[in-house]
Amino acid sequence: MIPLVFTHPEEKHFTFDKIPDLTGKVGIVTGGNSGIGYTTCRELVRKKSHVFLLGRNIEKAQVAVETIKFETDNHDVEFIHLNLKSLKSVKECAENFLASNLPLQILTFSLTEDGIQEEFAVSHVGHYSQPARIVNVAHSLVTGIEFESLNGPNAQDLKQRYRQSKLANILFTDKFNRRYLEGEQVYANSLHPGLVDTPMLRRNDLSFSETLMPSSISPEYGAITTLYCATSSEIEETNYRGRYFVPFGIEGEKSSYAEDDDLAKRLWEFTENLINEKLSQKK
């Protein structure tokens, strides 16, 4: 296992004040109730983007929406229900957006009801118009993906499953670029936000070492790299596609596993087969 080492540069390549005016842009942010997602929503709205906050907890999402309106004095933010643990919910949400014909700028945070292992479903399976940005919050601190046990009764420990789901984000982003985005004005990239002090970091079942806590950063800082990938003109000017960024808006180095095209191809096929299998069972 690759050791967890987190360092955050003191000088920030990107900051909130570098976010350009986003008038006429539409943002879709999953997991916008709190943490990095909430900060991302707030700063996009502050810069005049119309933002759709997607999440499964209706009460928390509505509170987040009203708070963002108050903090930004901008009411161009609304909630749409999306449960990434349910393929049915993902399909319904996607159909609603396709029917709206909006110029979408997409951002993207036990077993589900579909029978897909939870971390893999929420982080990877649930996220499958121009110009646009696709941003996946991920990291590559894992040595491969254990497909044989990924969705079986003898699945790995939770921390390993979580890490594999985030590696899947990077592999998917790269494969998606090569498979569908050649010649398109869609810029798909992945990023590591840093070690961010969110409820995820404090989950007992993930067993993150307490020694890491002093080096953690706030959700405010954790959202900077997401916002860089979503809004910075550098992404288009430099034609960044399938790149991996780290705090704060600088290009990072992927692990050899995150660069493995054969692994990416196998993941793509595994995901397609898994989705088709689960959807066919519901007919």
Protein backbone atom coordinates (compact mmCIF):
# COMPACT_ATOMS: atom_id res chain seq x y z
CA MET A 1 0.00 0.00 0.00
CA ILE A 2 1.27 3.46 -0.88
CA PRO A 3 1.81 5.44 2.35
CA LEU A 4 -0.46 8.40 3.01
CA VAL A 5 1.62 11.55 2.85
CA PHE A 6 -0.14 14.89 2.60
CA THR A 7 1.55 18.22 2.07
CA HIS A 8 -0.11 21.46 1.05
CA PRO A 9 1.87 24.29 -0.56
CA GLU A 10 1.77 27.58 1.27
CA GLU A 11 1.49 29.59 -1.95
CA LYS A 12 -1.76 28.97 -3.82
CA HIS A 13 -1.74 28.89 -7.60
CA PHE A 14 -5.50 29.50 -7.59
CA THR A 15 -7.78 31.32 -5.15
CA PHE A 16 -11.44 32.28 -5.00
CA ASP A 17 -10.76 35.77 -6.32
CA LYS A 18 -9.41 34.26 -9.55
CA ILE A 19 -12.75 32.67 -10.41
CA PRO A 20 -14.02 34.51 -13.51
CA ASP A 21 -17.52 35.89 -13.98
CA LEU A 22 -19.76 32.90 -14.68
CA THR A 23 -22.85 34.68 -15.94
CA GLY A 24 -24.71 32.37 -18.33
CA LYS A 25 -22.94 29.26 -17.03
CA VAL A 26 -24.76 26.36 -15.41
CA GLY A 27 -23.12 24.23 -12.73
CA ILE A 28 -24.24 20.85 -11.40
CA VAL A 29 -22.61 19.87 -8.14
CA THR A 30 -23.10 16.54 -6.42
CA GLY A 31 -22.68 16.39 -2.66
CA GLY A 32 -23.32 20.09 -2.23
CA ASN A 33 -24.91 19.84 1.22
CA SER A 34 -21.65 20.35 3.09
CA GLY A 35 -17.87 20.39 2.93
CA ILE A 36 -16.10 20.79 -0.42
CA GLY A 37 -19.33 20.49 -2.39
CA TYR A 38 -21.05 23.23 -0.42
CA THR A 39 -18.13 25.63 -0.82
CA THR A 40 -17.99 24.84 -4.53
CA CYS A 41 -21.70 25.63 -4.93
CA ARG A 42 -21.42 28.85 -2.94
CA GLU A 43 -18.47 30.23 -4.88
CA LEU A 44 -20.01 29.36 -8.26
CA VAL A 45 -23.22 31.12 -7.26
CA ARG A 46 -21.22 34.09 -5.94
CA LYS A 47 -19.72 34.44 -9.44
CA LYS A 48 -23.20 34.43 -11.06
CA SER A 49 -23.40 30.82 -12.22
CA HIS A 50 -26.81 29.15 -12.03
CA VAL A 51 -26.15 26.14 -9.81
CA PHE A 52 -28.06 22.92 -9.30
CA LEU A 53 -27.19 21.31 -6.00
CA LEU A 54 -27.71 17.56 -6.23
CA GLY A 55 -28.05 15.29 -3.23
CA ARG A 56 -30.18 12.66 -1.55
CA ASN A 57 -30.89 14.38 1.78
CA ILE A 58 -33.70 16.77 0.93
CA GLU A 59 -33.77 18.56 4.28
CA LYS A 60 -30.02 19.25 4.39
CA ALA A 61 -29.97 20.30 0.75
CA GLN A 62 -32.76 22.80 1.22
CA VAL A 63 -30.95 24.32 4.20
CA ALA A 64 -27.76 24.54 2.11
CA VAL A 65 -29.61 26.25 -0.75
CA GLU A 66 -31.16 28.87 1.51
CA THR A 67 -27.82 29.51 3.24
CA ILE A 68 -26.05 29.99 -0.09
CA LYS A 69 -28.73 32.46 -1.18
CA PHE A 70 -28.21 34.43 2.03
CA GLU A 71 -24.40 34.37 1.88
CA THR A 72 -24.15 35.38 -1.79
CA ASP A 73 -27.26 37.53 -2.20
CA ASN A 74 -27.93 35.48 -5.33
CA HIS A 75 -30.95 33.20 -5.69
CA ASP A 76 -29.72 31.31 -8.76
CA VAL A 77 -29.28 28.05 -6.88
CA GLU A 78 -31.74 25.22 -6.60
CA PHE A 79 -31.93 21.67 -5.35
CA ILE A 80 -32.63 18.57 -7.43
CA HIS A 81 -32.91 15.19 -5.78
CA LEU A 82 -30.27 12.65 -6.73
CA ASN A 83 -29.46 9.47 -4.86
CA LEU A 84 -26.19 8.11 -6.25
CA LYS A 85 -26.89 4.83 -4.50
CA SER A 86 -29.81 4.24 -6.87
CA LEU A 87 -29.40 3.74 -10.62
CA LYS A 88 -33.08 4.58 -11.01
CA SER A 89 -32.55 7.95 -9.33
CA VAL A 90 -29.46 8.65 -11.47
CA LYS A 91 -31.40 7.83 -14.65
CA GLU A 92 -34.35 10.02 -13.65
CA CYS A 93 -32.09 12.94 -12.77
CA ALA A 94 -30.20 12.67 -16.06
CA GLU A 95 -33.45 12.53 -18.03
CA ASN A 96 -34.68 15.67 -16.28
CA PHE A 97 -31.57 17.57 -17.29
CA LEU A 98 -31.62 16.30 -20.87
CA ALA A 99 -35.22 17.39 -21.19
CA SER A 100 -34.33 20.88 -19.94
CA ASN A 101 -31.89 21.48 -22.84
CA LEU A 102 -29.62 23.52 -20.56
CA PRO A 103 -25.98 24.27 -21.51
CA LEU A 104 -24.71 22.09 -18.70
CA GLN A 105 -21.35 22.49 -17.01
CA ILE A 106 -20.95 19.32 -14.97
CA LEU A 107 -19.01 19.03 -11.73
CA THR A 108 -18.64 16.16 -9.87
CA PHE A 109 -18.47 13.52 -4.15
CA SER A 110 -22.91 -2.22 2.40
CA LEU A 111 -24.75 -2.56 -0.98
CA THR A 112 -27.03 -0.09 -2.62
CA GLU A 113 -30.62 -0.91 -3.52
CA ASP A 114 -29.27 -2.07 -6.89
CA GLY A 115 -26.86 -4.53 -5.30
CA ILE A 116 -23.71 -2.51 -6.01
CA GLN A 117 -21.11 -2.01 -3.31
CA GLU A 118 -21.79 1.40 -1.76
CA GLU A 119 -18.49 3.29 -2.09
CA PHE A 120 -18.04 2.11 -5.68
CA ALA A 121 -21.62 3.08 -6.54
CA VAL A 122 -21.54 6.57 -5.04
CA SER A 123 -18.04 7.60 -6.12
CA HIS A 124 -17.91 6.00 -9.56
CA VAL A 125 -20.96 4.25 -11.04
CA GLY A 126 -23.40 7.12 -10.44
CA HIS A 127 -21.49 9.68 -12.57
CA TYR A 128 -21.82 8.32 -16.12
CA SER A 129 -23.51 20.39 -24.40
CA GLN A 130 -20.45 22.47 -24.79
CA PRO A 131 -18.16 24.02 -23.80
CA ALA A 132 -18.21 22.12 -20.54
CA ARG A 133 -16.03 20.86 -17.71
CA ILE A 134 -16.23 17.49 -15.99
CA VAL A 135 -14.45 17.44 -12.65
CA ASN A 136 -13.98 14.29 -10.60
CA VAL A 137 -12.73 14.54 -7.02
CA ALA A 138 -10.41 11.57 -6.65
CA HIS A 139 -7.00 10.29 -5.63
CA SER A 140 -4.65 7.51 -6.69
CA LEU A 141 -3.33 6.30 -3.35
CA VAL A 142 -4.10 2.64 -3.99
CA THR A 143 -2.39 -0.23 -5.78
CA GLY A 144 -4.97 -1.36 -8.30
CA ILE A 145 -8.58 -2.54 -8.18
CA GLU A 146 -9.56 -6.00 -6.93
CA PHE A 147 -12.44 -6.71 -9.29
CA GLU A 148 -13.03 -10.24 -8.03
CA SER A 149 -13.98 -9.10 -4.53
CA LEU A 150 -15.13 -5.56 -5.30
CA ASN A 151 -18.83 -6.33 -5.33
CA GLY A 152 -18.86 -9.73 -3.68
CA PRO A 153 -19.81 -10.93 -0.19
CA ASN A 154 -16.14 -11.01 0.85
CA ALA A 155 -15.36 -7.43 -0.15
CA GLN A 156 -12.27 -5.68 1.17
CA ASP A 157 -12.17 -3.43 4.22
CA LEU A 158 -13.95 -0.10 3.88
CA LYS A 159 -10.83 2.05 3.56
CA GLN A 160 -9.54 -0.07 0.69
CA ARG A 161 -12.93 0.02 -1.06
CA TYR A 162 -13.08 3.80 -0.69
CA ARG A 163 -9.61 4.25 -2.14
CA GLN A 164 -10.41 1.96 -5.05
CA SER A 165 -13.55 3.97 -5.83
CA LYS A 166 -11.47 7.16 -6.04
CA LEU A 167 -8.86 5.53 -8.26
CA ALA A 168 -11.81 4.51 -10.44
CA ASN A 169 -12.67 8.20 -10.84
CA ILE A 170 -9.26 8.95 -12.35
CA LEU A 171 -9.28 5.92 -14.63
CA PHE A 172 -12.80 6.71 -15.79
CA THR A 173 -11.95 10.35 -16.49
CA ASP A 174 -8.99 9.38 -18.66
CA LYS A 175 -10.88 6.68 -20.55
CA PHE A 176 -13.87 8.98 -21.05
CA ASN A 177 -11.57 11.61 -22.58
CA ARG A 178 -10.06 9.14 -25.04
CA ARG A 179 -13.32 7.41 -25.88
CA TYR A 180 -15.79 10.27 -26.27
CA LEU A 181 -14.20 13.71 -26.03
CA GLU A 182 -11.73 13.75 -28.94
CA GLY A 183 -12.31 17.02 -30.79
CA GLU A 184 -15.01 18.16 -28.35
CA GLN A 185 -15.00 21.29 -26.20
CA VAL A 186 -15.44 19.24 -23.06
CA TYR A 187 -12.57 19.21 -20.59
CA ALA A 188 -12.61 16.29 -18.16
CA ASN A 189 -10.05 16.24 -15.36
CA SER A 190 -9.64 14.72 -11.91
CA LEU A 191 -8.15 16.09 -8.74
CA HIS A 192 -7.10 15.43 -5.19
CA PRO A 193 -8.48 18.24 -2.96
CA GLY A 194 -5.94 17.56 -0.23
CA LEU A 195 -6.51 16.16 3.23
CA VAL A 196 -9.73 17.99 4.03
CA ASP A 197 -11.28 18.20 7.49
CA THR A 198 -14.76 16.88 6.69
CA PRO A 199 -16.99 14.26 8.37
CA MET A 200 -15.50 11.70 5.96
CA LEU A 201 -12.07 12.19 7.52
CA ARG A 202 -13.49 11.54 10.98
CA ARG A 203 -15.44 8.39 10.15
CA ASN A 204 -14.43 5.64 12.55
CA ASP A 205 -15.03 2.92 9.97
CA LEU A 206 -12.44 4.43 7.64
CA SER A 207 -9.83 4.55 10.42
CA PHE A 208 -7.82 7.50 9.17
CA SER A 209 -4.83 8.04 11.41
CA GLU A 210 -5.24 10.82 13.97
CA THR A 211 -1.67 11.84 13.17
CA LEU A 212 -2.95 13.16 9.84
CA MET A 213 -5.42 15.59 11.41
CA PRO A 214 -2.93 18.40 12.15
CA SER A 215 -2.04 18.56 8.45
CA SER A 216 -5.65 18.73 7.27
CA ILE A 217 -7.14 21.80 5.60
CA SER A 218 -10.59 23.36 5.79
CA PRO A 219 -13.36 22.69 3.22
CA GLU A 220 -12.81 26.29 2.10
CA TYR A 221 -9.29 25.44 1.00
CA GLY A 222 -10.35 21.96 -0.09
CA ALA A 223 -12.67 23.43 -2.73
CA ILE A 224 -10.00 25.56 -4.39
CA THR A 225 -8.68 22.86 -6.72
CA THR A 226 -12.20 21.82 -7.70
CA LEU A 227 -13.04 25.40 -8.56
CA TYR A 228 -9.80 25.76 -10.49
CA CYS A 229 -10.67 22.77 -12.69
CA ALA A 230 -14.25 23.99 -13.10
CA THR A 231 -13.67 27.67 -13.82
CA SER A 232 -10.09 28.64 -14.62
CA SER A 233 -9.41 29.81 -18.17
CA GLU A 234 -6.10 27.92 -17.99
CA ILE A 235 -7.94 24.62 -18.48
CA GLU A 236 -9.04 25.56 -22.00
CA GLU A 237 -6.04 27.71 -22.85
CA THR A 238 -3.64 24.89 -22.00
CA ASN A 239 -6.03 22.20 -23.28
CA TYR A 240 -5.89 20.23 -20.03
CA ARG A 241 -7.68 16.92 -20.59
CA GLY A 242 -7.42 13.82 -18.48
CA ARG A 243 -5.01 15.58 -16.13
CA TYR A 244 -4.73 15.14 -12.38
CA PHE A 245 -4.52 18.20 -10.13
CA VAL A 246 -3.52 18.68 -6.50
CA PRO A 247 -3.72 21.66 -4.11
CA PHE A 248 -3.98 24.37 -4.99
CA GLY A 249 -4.68 24.17 -8.70
CA ILE A 250 -1.38 22.65 -9.83
CA GLU A 251 -0.88 19.55 -11.93
CA GLY A 252 0.11 16.50 -9.93
CA GLU A 253 1.70 13.18 -10.77
CA LYS A 254 -0.53 10.12 -11.07
CA SER A 255 0.45 6.75 -9.72
CA SER A 256 1.37 4.06 -12.23
CA TYR A 257 -2.00 2.42 -11.54
CA ALA A 258 -3.87 5.61 -12.45
CA GLU A 259 -1.96 5.61 -15.77
CA ASP A 260 -2.73 1.96 -16.55
CA ASP A 261 -4.81 1.92 -19.75
CA ASP A 262 -5.51 -1.81 -19.47
CA LEU A 263 -6.86 -1.29 -15.96
CA ALA A 264 -9.01 1.60 -17.22
CA LYS A 265 -10.41 -0.57 -20.02
CA ARG A 266 -11.17 -3.39 -17.61
CA LEU A 267 -12.88 -0.95 -15.22
CA TRP A 268 -15.01 0.45 -18.04
CA GLU A 269 -16.15 -3.02 -19.10
CA PHE A 270 -16.73 -4.09 -15.49
CA THR A 271 -18.87 -1.00 -14.85
CA GLU A 272 -20.92 -1.39 -18.04
CA ASN A 273 -21.60 -5.05 -17.27
CA LEU A 274 -22.48 -4.28 -13.65
CA ILE A 275 -24.94 -1.55 -14.59
CA ASN A 276 -26.55 -3.64 -17.34
CA GLU A 277 -26.86 -6.58 -14.96
CA LYS A 278 -28.50 -4.57 -12.18
CA LEU A 279 -30.86 -2.69 -14.51
CA SER A 280 -31.97 -5.91 -16.24
CA GLN A 281 -32.85 -7.40 -12.84
CA LYS A 282 -35.31 -4.56 -12.25
CA LYS A 283 -37.29 -5.16 -15.44
